[in-house]
């Protein structure tokens, strides 16, 4: 899937900012990004967030941590 650089950069910035405050579940991350971009982002925020999140995981920028109930996401530690 190819998305525009500006949309990717907007999503990346919001995902990293949200995760900079601590680990979040998928739903919490989606809610945080939607709250910040609702009304100013042209497109489906959850869809673009998911595409960008998957790319950031593949690049090793963020990581998924399995928990007792739900997986959580965080910025990957160096």
Protein backbone atom coordinates (compact mmCIF):
# COMPACT_ATOMS: atom_id res chain seq x y z
CA UNK A 1 0.00 0.00 0.00
CA UNK A 2 1.30 3.44 -0.90
CA UNK A 3 0.11 6.52 0.95
CA UNK A 4 1.11 10.13 0.50
CA UNK A 5 4.25 11.28 2.31
CA UNK A 6 2.38 14.10 4.06
CA UNK A 7 -0.27 11.73 5.46
CA UNK A 8 2.41 9.23 6.52
CA UNK A 9 4.42 11.97 8.23
CA UNK A 10 1.34 13.29 10.05
CA UNK A 11 0.45 9.81 11.29
CA UNK A 12 4.02 8.99 12.25
CA UNK A 13 4.33 12.19 14.26
CA UNK A 14 1.08 11.54 16.15
CA UNK A 15 1.83 7.85 16.80
CA UNK A 16 5.30 8.60 18.16
CA UNK A 17 4.00 11.49 20.24
CA UNK A 18 1.25 9.32 21.76
CA UNK A 19 3.66 6.46 22.47
CA UNK A 20 6.20 8.90 23.88
CA UNK A 21 3.88 9.24 26.86
CA UNK A 22 3.92 5.48 27.53
CA UNK A 23 2.74 2.12 26.26
CA UNK A 24 -0.75 1.95 24.72
CA UNK A 25 -3.05 -0.80 23.52
CA UNK A 26 -4.12 -0.73 19.89
CA UNK A 27 -7.48 0.82 20.82
CA UNK A 28 -5.84 3.42 23.06
CA UNK A 29 -3.39 4.34 20.31
CA UNK A 30 -6.16 4.63 17.73
CA UNK A 31 -8.22 6.81 20.10
CA UNK A 32 -5.24 9.06 20.88
CA UNK A 33 -4.43 9.60 17.21
CA UNK A 34 -8.10 10.16 16.28
CA UNK A 35 -8.50 12.69 19.09
CA UNK A 36 -5.58 14.74 17.81
CA UNK A 37 -6.35 14.56 14.08
CA UNK A 38 -10.16 14.52 14.01
CA UNK A 39 -11.38 17.40 11.87
CA UNK A 40 -7.96 18.25 10.44
CA UNK A 41 -7.01 15.01 8.65
CA UNK A 42 -8.43 14.18 5.25
CA UNK A 43 -9.12 10.44 5.19
CA UNK A 44 -9.88 7.50 7.44
CA UNK A 45 -7.75 8.08 10.52
CA UNK A 46 -7.89 4.44 11.75
CA UNK A 47 -6.93 3.12 8.30
CA UNK A 48 -3.98 5.47 7.85
CA UNK A 49 -2.92 4.93 11.46
CA UNK A 50 -2.86 1.16 10.94
CA UNK A 51 -0.81 1.40 7.73
CA UNK A 52 1.69 3.73 9.38
CA UNK A 53 1.83 1.68 12.59
CA UNK A 54 2.62 -1.49 10.64
CA UNK A 55 5.39 0.30 8.76
CA UNK A 56 6.88 1.67 11.98
CA UNK A 57 6.82 -1.85 13.45
CA UNK A 58 8.53 -3.28 10.35
CA UNK A 59 11.22 -0.59 10.54
CA UNK A 60 11.82 -1.29 14.24
CA UNK A 61 10.77 2.19 15.34
CA UNK A 62 7.96 0.88 17.55
CA UNK A 63 7.33 -2.57 18.96
CA UNK A 64 4.42 -4.70 20.04
CA UNK A 65 4.68 -6.13 23.56
CA UNK A 66 2.40 -9.02 24.43
CA UNK A 67 0.61 -8.56 27.73
CA UNK A 68 -1.61 -10.73 29.90
CA UNK A 69 -4.77 -9.38 28.27
CA UNK A 70 -3.88 -7.13 25.37
CA UNK A 71 -0.79 -6.37 23.36
CA UNK A 72 0.66 -2.94 23.93
CA UNK A 73 2.77 -0.74 21.68
CA UNK A 74 5.76 1.35 22.64
CA UNK A 75 8.67 3.19 21.09
CA UNK A 76 11.43 0.64 20.65
CA UNK A 77 14.29 0.98 23.05
CA UNK A 78 17.76 1.23 21.55
